């Protein structure tokens, strides 16, 4: 990476070559060579203010979603030159994470148990009914029906019908979950801010705590799964945990 700055705070890739990195005041650098080099493209900040977007999702070089405060969901169809913001919500919950099954079906989660869904590429959004007050930081779908959202105090909710119904699942984790990852429909993991790791082998029905809070790990802001390894990012440090996926 050839960006000589220390204010980079978000990254999203559409494929192995095409991506963006976000920095102060929601400005961006683009890459089309997998991060070997970056350039300043024709970009307009979608939400005004530093760290005003909490997540970006790049579907391809043209289609980009971002979510943030005051129930904001914005979408660009031209690589970030212009943005349209959805204004149909009657609430102001903060949105934290977005995931898409394809370019039509997407889910967003946020504060006070809020989950919303679109089936038309973001033109309209509908609220999912979840009886929950916990903040939801992460949302993850294996396919159009089977998904999870997780967050504050180790809370996890699961749907098997595309969000029509959500079930609260006991995880055994005490702190905020920041990552969900499944290797297949049975084997999956969740990671909290303090390095707690939960494992399921039955599709998320039950969870085993395989790693408790670790000394020195207290504020992970991101966890990344690569092969059989979890990499946790905390400040300027990277922590590693090797999984046994047998």
C-alpha atoms as a PDB file:
ATOM      1  CA  UNK A   1       0.000   0.000   0.000  1.00  0.00           C
ATOM      2  CA  UNK A   2       1.429   3.355  -1.008  1.00  0.00           C
ATOM      3  CA  UNK A   3      -0.767   5.706   1.059  1.00  0.00           C
ATOM      4  CA  UNK A   4       1.442   7.712   3.400  1.00  0.00           C
ATOM      5  CA  UNK A   5      -1.234   8.538   6.007  1.00  0.00           C
ATOM      6  CA  UNK A   6      -2.220   7.403   9.486  1.00  0.00           C
ATOM      7  CA  UNK A   7      -5.945   8.178   9.329  1.00  0.00           C
ATOM      8  CA  UNK A   8      -7.257   5.203   7.354  1.00  0.00           C
ATOM      9  CA  UNK A   9     -10.189   3.563   9.130  1.00  0.00           C
ATOM     10  CA  UNK A  10     -12.281   1.513   6.696  1.00  0.00           C
ATOM     11  CA  UNK A  11     -11.673  -0.815   3.778  1.00  0.00           C
ATOM     12  CA  UNK A  12     -13.994  -2.568   1.337  1.00  0.00           C
ATOM     13  CA  UNK A  13     -13.229  -4.773  -1.667  1.00  0.00           C
ATOM     14  CA  UNK A  14     -15.639  -5.858  -4.397  1.00  0.00           C
ATOM     15  CA  UNK A  15     -13.200  -8.551  -5.563  1.00  0.00           C
ATOM     16  CA  UNK A  16      -9.518  -9.366  -5.158  1.00  0.00           C
ATOM     17  CA  UNK A  17      -8.482  -6.301  -7.195  1.00  0.00           C
ATOM     18  CA  UNK A  18     -11.155  -3.603  -6.824  1.00  0.00           C
ATOM     19  CA  UNK A  19     -11.485  -1.755  -3.525  1.00  0.00           C
ATOM     20  CA  UNK A  20     -11.599   1.477  -1.560  1.00  0.00           C
ATOM     21  CA  UNK A  21      -9.993   2.683   1.652  1.00  0.00           C
ATOM     22  CA  UNK A  22     -11.734   5.385   3.693  1.00  0.00           C
ATOM     23  CA  UNK A  23      -9.965   8.143   5.603  1.00  0.00           C
ATOM     24  CA  UNK A  24     -10.694  11.427   7.410  1.00  0.00           C
ATOM     25  CA  UNK A  25     -14.064  13.030   6.672  1.00  0.00           C
ATOM     26  CA  UNK A  26     -15.264  10.092   4.551  1.00  0.00           C
ATOM     27  CA  UNK A  27     -12.891  10.655   1.658  1.00  0.00           C
ATOM     28  CA  UNK A  28     -11.562   7.630  -0.212  1.00  0.00           C
ATOM     29  CA  UNK A  29      -8.680   6.170  -2.173  1.00  0.00           C
ATOM     30  CA  UNK A  30      -9.332   3.541  -4.849  1.00  0.00           C
ATOM     31  CA  UNK A  31      -7.339   0.513  -5.950  1.00  0.00           C
ATOM     32  CA  UNK A  32      -7.721  -1.765  -8.968  1.00  0.00           C
ATOM     33  CA  UNK A  33      -4.654  -3.923  -8.379  1.00  0.00           C
ATOM     34  CA  UNK A  34      -5.495  -5.563  -5.071  1.00  0.00           C
ATOM     35  CA  UNK A  35      -4.039  -2.802  -2.913  1.00  0.00           C
ATOM     36  CA  UNK A  36      -0.584  -2.613  -4.481  1.00  0.00           C
ATOM     37  CA  UNK A  37      -1.318   0.999  -5.382  1.00  0.00           C
ATOM     38  CA  UNK A  38      -4.081   3.484  -4.571  1.00  0.00           C
ATOM     39  CA  UNK A  39      -5.288   6.628  -6.302  1.00  0.00           C
ATOM     40  CA  UNK A  40      -7.706   9.471  -5.569  1.00  0.00           C
ATOM     41  CA  UNK A  41     -10.693   9.013  -7.847  1.00  0.00           C
ATOM     42  CA  UNK A  42     -13.712  11.195  -8.478  1.00  0.00           C
ATOM     43  CA  UNK A  43     -15.328  10.883  -5.023  1.00  0.00           C
ATOM     44  CA  UNK A  44     -17.871  12.774  -2.914  1.00  0.00           C
ATOM     45  CA  UNK A  45     -18.219  12.039   0.833  1.00  0.00           C
ATOM     46  CA  UNK A  46     -21.597  10.263   1.239  1.00  0.00           C
ATOM     47  CA  UNK A  47     -22.141  11.402   4.848  1.00  0.00           C
ATOM     48  CA  UNK A  48     -20.485  14.582   6.111  1.00  0.00           C
ATOM     49  CA  UNK A  49     -18.071  14.249   9.036  1.00  0.00           C
ATOM     50  CA  UNK A  50     -15.135  12.147  10.210  1.00  0.00           C
ATOM     51  CA  UNK A  51     -16.097   8.508  10.845  1.00  0.00           C
ATOM     52  CA  UNK A  52     -19.676   9.419  10.009  1.00  0.00           C
ATOM     53  CA  UNK A  53     -19.944   6.171   8.056  1.00  0.00           C
ATOM     54  CA  UNK A  54     -19.634   3.048  10.184  1.00  0.00           C
ATOM     55  CA  UNK A  55     -19.416   0.577   7.294  1.00  0.00           C
ATOM     56  CA  UNK A  56     -18.945   0.402   3.534  1.00  0.00           C
ATOM     57  CA  UNK A  57     -19.874  -2.390   1.146  1.00  0.00           C
ATOM     58  CA  UNK A  58     -18.535  -2.327  -2.411  1.00  0.00           C
ATOM     59  CA  UNK A  59     -20.559  -4.622  -4.675  1.00  0.00           C
ATOM     60  CA  UNK A  60     -18.560  -3.784  -7.808  1.00  0.00           C
ATOM     61  CA  UNK A  61     -16.560  -0.860  -9.164  1.00  0.00           C
ATOM     62  CA  UNK A  62     -19.740   1.222  -9.533  1.00  0.00           C
ATOM     63  CA  UNK A  63     -22.168   0.098  -6.802  1.00  0.00           C
ATOM     64  CA  UNK A  64     -21.230   1.061  -3.221  1.00  0.00           C
ATOM     65  CA  UNK A  65     -23.330   1.171  -0.044  1.00  0.00           C
ATOM     66  CA  UNK A  66     -22.488   2.969   3.190  1.00  0.00           C
ATOM     67  CA  UNK A  67     -24.343   3.168   6.527  1.00  0.00           C
ATOM     68  CA  UNK A  68     -24.007   5.400   9.571  1.00  0.00           C
ATOM     69  CA  UNK A  69     -25.691   7.690  12.075  1.00  0.00           C
ATOM     70  CA  UNK A  70     -29.306   8.872  12.106  1.00  0.00           C
ATOM     71  CA  UNK A  71     -30.474   5.729  10.261  1.00  0.00           C
ATOM     72  CA  UNK A  72     -28.483   6.727   7.188  1.00  0.00           C
ATOM     73  CA  UNK A  73     -28.111   4.378   4.227  1.00  0.00           C
ATOM     74  CA  UNK A  74     -26.512   5.862   1.119  1.00  0.00           C
ATOM     75  CA  UNK A  75     -25.783   4.230  -2.227  1.00  0.00           C
ATOM     76  CA  UNK A  76     -23.635   5.208  -5.185  1.00  0.00           C
ATOM     77  CA  UNK A  77     -24.106   3.815  -8.696  1.00  0.00           C
ATOM     78  CA  UNK A  78     -21.068   5.573 -10.170  1.00  0.00           C
ATOM     79  CA  UNK A  79     -18.156   4.571  -7.967  1.00  0.00           C
ATOM     80  CA  UNK A  80     -18.666   7.267  -5.338  1.00  0.00           C
ATOM     81  CA  UNK A  81     -19.059  10.353  -7.549  1.00  0.00           C
ATOM     82  CA  UNK A  82     -22.668  10.846  -6.459  1.00  0.00           C
ATOM     83  CA  UNK A  83     -24.823   9.320  -3.723  1.00  0.00           C
ATOM     84  CA  UNK A  84     -28.523   8.854  -3.033  1.00  0.00           C
ATOM     85  CA  UNK A  85     -29.707   8.600   0.588  1.00  0.00           C
ATOM     86  CA  UNK A  86     -32.764   6.647   1.674  1.00  0.00           C
ATOM     87  CA  UNK A  87     -35.132   8.858   3.660  1.00  0.00           C
ATOM     88  CA  UNK A  88     -38.026   6.510   4.413  1.00  0.00           C
ATOM     89  CA  UNK A  89     -37.234   5.664   8.048  1.00  0.00           C
ATOM     90  CA  UNK A  90     -39.247   7.110  10.930  1.00  0.00           C
ATOM     91  CA  UNK A  91     -36.497   6.306  13.473  1.00  0.00           C
ATOM     92  CA  UNK A  92     -32.937   7.570  14.028  1.00  0.00           C
ATOM     93  CA  UNK A  93     -31.100   4.430  15.173  1.00  0.00           C
ATOM     94  CA  UNK A  94     -27.400   4.283  14.378  1.00  0.00           C
ATOM     95  CA  UNK A  95     -26.523   1.727  11.694  1.00  0.00           C
ATOM     96  CA  UNK A  96     -23.285  -0.249  12.130  1.00  0.00           C
ATOM     97  CA  UNK A  97     -23.006  -2.953   9.475  1.00  0.00           C
ATOM     98  CA  UNK A  98     -24.333  -3.930   6.051  1.00  0.00           C
ATOM     99  CA  UNK A  99     -24.228  -7.192   4.109  1.00  0.00           C
ATOM    100  CA  UNK A 100     -25.690  -8.120   0.722  1.00  0.00           C
ATOM    101  CA  UNK A 101     -26.683 -11.513  -0.681  1.00  0.00           C
ATOM    102  CA  UNK A 102     -26.585 -10.064  -4.207  1.00  0.00           C
ATOM    103  CA  UNK A 103     -27.140  -6.613  -5.707  1.00  0.00           C
ATOM    104  CA  UNK A 104     -30.836  -6.692  -4.731  1.00  0.00           C
ATOM    105  CA  UNK A 105     -31.082  -8.311  -1.267  1.00  0.00           C
ATOM    106  CA  UNK A 106     -29.215  -6.547   1.553  1.00  0.00           C
ATOM    107  CA  UNK A 107     -29.459  -6.303   5.343  1.00  0.00           C
ATOM    108  CA  UNK A 108     -28.347  -3.565   7.752  1.00  0.00           C
ATOM    109  CA  UNK A 109     -28.121  -3.790  11.554  1.00  0.00           C
ATOM    110  CA  UNK A 110     -27.810  -1.124  14.215  1.00  0.00           C
ATOM    111  CA  UNK A 111     -28.562   0.208  17.658  1.00  0.00           C
ATOM    112  CA  UNK A 112     -31.402  -1.020  19.891  1.00  0.00           C
ATOM    113  CA  UNK A 113     -31.881  -4.281  18.003  1.00  0.00           C
ATOM    114  CA  UNK A 114     -32.595  -2.701  14.645  1.00  0.00           C
ATOM    115  CA  UNK A 115     -32.355  -4.740  11.423  1.00  0.00           C
ATOM    116  CA  UNK A 116     -33.660  -3.553   8.046  1.00  0.00           C
ATOM    117  CA  UNK A 117     -33.827  -5.339   4.690  1.00  0.00           C
ATOM    118  CA  UNK A 118     -34.091  -4.386   1.021  1.00  0.00           C
ATOM    119  CA  UNK A 119     -35.092  -6.650  -1.854  1.00  0.00           C
ATOM    120  CA  UNK A 120     -34.828  -4.017  -4.592  1.00  0.00           C
ATOM    121  CA  UNK A 121     -31.222  -2.889  -4.366  1.00  0.00           C
ATOM    122  CA  UNK A 122     -31.832  -0.209  -1.745  1.00  0.00           C
ATOM    123  CA  UNK A 123     -34.792   1.634  -3.278  1.00  0.00           C
ATOM    124  CA  UNK A 124     -36.949   0.626  -0.294  1.00  0.00           C
ATOM    125  CA  UNK A 125     -36.131  -0.826   3.130  1.00  0.00           C
ATOM    126  CA  UNK A 126     -38.327  -2.731   5.577  1.00  0.00           C
ATOM    127  CA  UNK A 127     -37.767  -3.165   9.315  1.00  0.00           C
ATOM    128  CA  UNK A 128     -37.332  -6.708  10.646  1.00  0.00           C
ATOM    129  CA  UNK A 129     -39.209  -7.428  13.871  1.00  0.00           C
ATOM    130  CA  UNK A 130     -36.726  -8.308  16.639  1.00  0.00           C
ATOM    131  CA  UNK A 131     -37.689  -8.012  20.325  1.00  0.00           C
ATOM    132  CA  UNK A 132     -34.278  -6.851  21.482  1.00  0.00           C
ATOM    133  CA  UNK A 133     -32.683  -3.736  22.993  1.00  0.00           C
ATOM    134  CA  UNK A 134     -29.028  -4.711  22.517  1.00  0.00           C
ATOM    135  CA  UNK A 135     -26.953  -2.894  19.925  1.00  0.00           C
ATOM    136  CA  UNK A 136     -26.251  -5.090  16.878  1.00  0.00           C
ATOM    137  CA  UNK A 137     -22.758  -4.534  15.447  1.00  0.00           C
ATOM    138  CA  UNK A 138     -22.493  -7.314  12.871  1.00  0.00           C
ATOM    139  CA  UNK A 139     -24.790  -9.007  10.351  1.00  0.00           C
ATOM    140  CA  UNK A 140     -23.921 -12.123   8.364  1.00  0.00           C
ATOM    141  CA  UNK A 141     -25.843 -14.267   5.869  1.00  0.00           C
ATOM    142  CA  UNK A 142     -24.847 -17.600   4.366  1.00  0.00           C
ATOM    143  CA  UNK A 143     -27.610 -17.393   1.750  1.00  0.00           C
ATOM    144  CA  UNK A 144     -30.875 -15.531   1.198  1.00  0.00           C
ATOM    145  CA  UNK A 145     -32.596 -17.325   4.107  1.00  0.00           C
ATOM    146  CA  UNK A 146     -29.987 -18.269   6.685  1.00  0.00           C
ATOM    147  CA  UNK A 147     -28.410 -15.445   8.669  1.00  0.00           C
ATOM    148  CA  UNK A 148     -27.243 -14.008  11.977  1.00  0.00           C
ATOM    149  CA  UNK A 149     -26.829 -10.640  13.649  1.00  0.00           C
ATOM    150  CA  UNK A 150     -24.793 -10.075  16.807  1.00  0.00           C
ATOM    151  CA  UNK A 151     -23.554  -7.406  19.165  1.00  0.00           C
ATOM    152  CA  UNK A 152     -23.727  -5.981  22.658  1.00  0.00           C
ATOM    153  CA  UNK A 153     -23.204  -8.330  25.653  1.00  0.00           C
ATOM    154  CA  UNK A 154     -22.664 -11.384  23.432  1.00  0.00           C
ATOM    155  CA  UNK A 155     -26.154 -11.267  21.947  1.00  0.00           C
ATOM    156  CA  UNK A 156     -26.846 -13.305  18.804  1.00  0.00           C
ATOM    157  CA  UNK A 157     -30.039 -13.598  16.766  1.00  0.00           C
ATOM    158  CA  UNK A 158     -30.677 -16.077  13.976  1.00  0.00           C
ATOM    159  CA  UNK A 159     -33.108 -16.319  11.057  1.00  0.00           C
ATOM    160  CA  UNK A 160     -33.771 -19.229   8.705  1.00  0.00           C
ATOM    161  CA  UNK A 161     -36.419 -17.480   6.599  1.00  0.00           C
ATOM    162  CA  UNK A 162     -34.739 -14.333   5.335  1.00  0.00           C
ATOM    163  CA  UNK A 163     -35.581 -12.228   8.353  1.00  0.00           C
ATOM    164  CA  UNK A 164     -39.288 -12.948   8.617  1.00  0.00           C
ATOM    165  CA  UNK A 165     -38.583 -14.395  12.061  1.00  0.00           C
ATOM    166  CA  UNK A 166     -35.582 -14.010  14.374  1.00  0.00           C
ATOM    167  CA  UNK A 167     -34.637 -16.205  17.334  1.00  0.00           C
ATOM    168  CA  UNK A 168     -32.365 -15.106  20.180  1.00  0.00           C
ATOM    169  CA  UNK A 169     -29.540 -17.636  20.658  1.00  0.00           C
ATOM    170  CA  UNK A 170     -27.515 -18.086  23.869  1.00  0.00           C
ATOM    171  CA  UNK A 171     -23.794 -17.810  23.056  1.00  0.00           C
ATOM    172  CA  UNK A 172     -22.004 -17.796  26.417  1.00  0.00           C
ATOM    173  CA  UNK A 173     -20.026 -14.689  25.409  1.00  0.00           C
ATOM    174  CA  UNK A 174     -20.097 -11.696  27.742  1.00  0.00           C
ATOM    175  CA  UNK A 175     -18.807  -8.888  25.522  1.00  0.00           C
ATOM    176  CA  UNK A 176     -19.790  -7.309  22.226  1.00  0.00           C
ATOM    177  CA  UNK A 177     -19.504  -9.625  19.232  1.00  0.00           C
ATOM    178  CA  UNK A 178     -17.668  -8.030  16.317  1.00  0.00           C
ATOM    179  CA  UNK A 179     -17.366 -10.898  13.841  1.00  0.00           C
ATOM    180  CA  UNK A 180     -19.396 -13.869  12.593  1.00  0.00           C
ATOM    181  CA  UNK A 181     -17.972 -16.404  10.158  1.00  0.00           C
ATOM    182  CA  UNK A 182     -19.211 -19.771   8.888  1.00  0.00           C
ATOM    183  CA  UNK A 183     -17.127 -22.303   6.964  1.00  0.00           C
ATOM    184  CA  UNK A 184     -20.319 -24.140   6.025  1.00  0.00           C
ATOM    185  CA  UNK A 185     -23.920 -24.318   7.281  1.00  0.00           C
ATOM    186  CA  UNK A 186     -22.858 -26.259  10.379  1.00  0.00           C
ATOM    187  CA  UNK A 187     -19.411 -24.950  11.379  1.00  0.00           C
ATOM    188  CA  UNK A 188     -19.190 -21.317  12.464  1.00  0.00           C
ATOM    189  CA  UNK A 189     -17.459 -18.928  14.860  1.00  0.00           C
ATOM    190  CA  UNK A 190     -18.133 -15.658  16.664  1.00  0.00           C
ATOM    191  CA  UNK A 191     -15.514 -13.291  18.127  1.00  0.00           C
ATOM    192  CA  UNK A 192     -15.936 -10.582  20.778  1.00  0.00           C
ATOM    193  CA  UNK A 193     -14.011  -7.402  21.529  1.00  0.00           C
ATOM    194  CA  UNK A 194     -12.100  -9.136  24.349  1.00  0.00           C
ATOM    195  CA  UNK A 195     -10.976 -12.133  22.291  1.00  0.00           C
ATOM    196  CA  UNK A 196     -13.755 -14.487  23.349  1.00  0.00           C
ATOM    197  CA  UNK A 197     -14.374 -17.079  20.634  1.00  0.00           C
ATOM    198  CA  UNK A 198     -17.533 -19.151  20.323  1.00  0.00           C
ATOM    199  CA  UNK A 199     -17.843 -22.204  18.076  1.00  0.00           C
ATOM    200  CA  UNK A 200     -20.914 -23.977  16.689  1.00  0.00           C
ATOM    201  CA  UNK A 201     -21.098 -27.289  14.848  1.00  0.00           C
ATOM    202  CA  UNK A 202     -24.885 -27.378  14.499  1.00  0.00           C
ATOM    203  CA  UNK A 203     -25.564 -24.270  12.453  1.00  0.00           C
ATOM    204  CA  UNK A 204     -25.715 -21.855  15.364  1.00  0.00           C
ATOM    205  CA  UNK A 205     -28.257 -23.644  17.522  1.00  0.00           C
ATOM    206  CA  UNK A 206     -25.700 -24.106  20.316  1.00  0.00           C
ATOM    207  CA  UNK A 207     -22.317 -22.506  20.991  1.00  0.00           C
ATOM    208  CA  UNK A 208     -19.189 -23.621  22.825  1.00  0.00           C
ATOM    209  CA  UNK A 209     -16.854 -21.009  24.334  1.00  0.00           C
ATOM    210  CA  UNK A 210     -13.443 -22.169  23.056  1.00  0.00           C
ATOM    211  CA  UNK A 211     -11.502 -19.087  24.130  1.00  0.00           C
ATOM    212  CA  UNK A 212     -12.272 -16.851  27.094  1.00  0.00           C
ATOM    213  CA  UNK A 213     -11.274 -13.202  27.355  1.00  0.00           C
ATOM    214  CA  UNK A 214      -7.519 -13.027  26.896  1.00  0.00           C
ATOM    215  CA  UNK A 215      -5.012 -11.000  28.916  1.00  0.00           C
ATOM    216  CA  UNK A 216      -3.886  -8.074  26.785  1.00  0.00           C
ATOM    217  CA  UNK A 217      -6.878  -8.354  24.448  1.00  0.00           C
ATOM    218  CA  UNK A 218      -9.557  -5.939  25.613  1.00  0.00           C
ATOM    219  CA  UNK A 219     -10.588  -3.821  22.630  1.00  0.00           C
ATOM    220  CA  UNK A 220     -10.434  -5.674  19.322  1.00  0.00           C
ATOM    221  CA  UNK A 221     -11.976  -3.499  16.653  1.00  0.00           C
ATOM    222  CA  UNK A 222     -11.860  -6.109  13.885  1.00  0.00           C
ATOM    223  CA  UNK A 223     -11.407  -9.847  13.446  1.00  0.00           C
ATOM    224  CA  UNK A 224     -10.499 -11.481  10.136  1.00  0.00           C
ATOM    225  CA  UNK A 225     -10.772 -15.173   9.229  1.00  0.00           C
ATOM    226  CA  UNK A 226      -8.121 -16.546   6.884  1.00  0.00           C
ATOM    227  CA  UNK A 227      -8.017 -20.324   6.326  1.00  0.00           C
ATOM    228  CA  UNK A 228      -7.870 -21.797   9.873  1.00  0.00           C
ATOM    229  CA  UNK A 229      -6.631 -18.600  11.556  1.00  0.00           C
ATOM    230  CA  UNK A 230      -8.349 -15.654  13.211  1.00  0.00           C
ATOM    231  CA  UNK A 231      -6.440 -12.358  13.100  1.00  0.00           C
ATOM    232  CA  UNK A 232      -7.579  -9.755  15.630  1.00  0.00           C
ATOM    233  CA  UNK A 233      -6.732  -6.067  15.292  1.00  0.00           C
ATOM    234  CA  UNK A 234      -6.312  -3.895  18.406  1.00  0.00           C
ATOM    235  CA  UNK A 235      -4.654  -0.527  18.053  1.00  0.00           C
ATOM    236  CA  UNK A 236      -1.246  -1.146  16.478  1.00  0.00           C
ATOM    237  CA  UNK A 237      -1.222  -4.841  17.443  1.00  0.00           C
ATOM    238  CA  UNK A 238      -2.328  -7.987  15.595  1.00  0.00           C
ATOM    239  CA  UNK A 239      -3.330 -11.077  17.586  1.00  0.00           C
ATOM    240  CA  UNK A 240      -3.553 -14.574  16.095  1.00  0.00           C
ATOM    241  CA  UNK A 241      -5.629 -17.610  17.073  1.00  0.00           C
ATOM    242  CA  UNK A 242      -5.303 -20.991  15.323  1.00  0.00           C
ATOM    243  CA  UNK A 243      -8.566 -22.901  14.904  1.00  0.00           C
ATOM    244  CA  UNK A 244      -9.092 -26.651  15.039  1.00  0.00           C
ATOM    245  CA  UNK A 245     -11.767 -27.185  12.396  1.00  0.00           C
ATOM    246  CA  UNK A 246     -12.025 -30.955  12.778  1.00  0.00           C
END
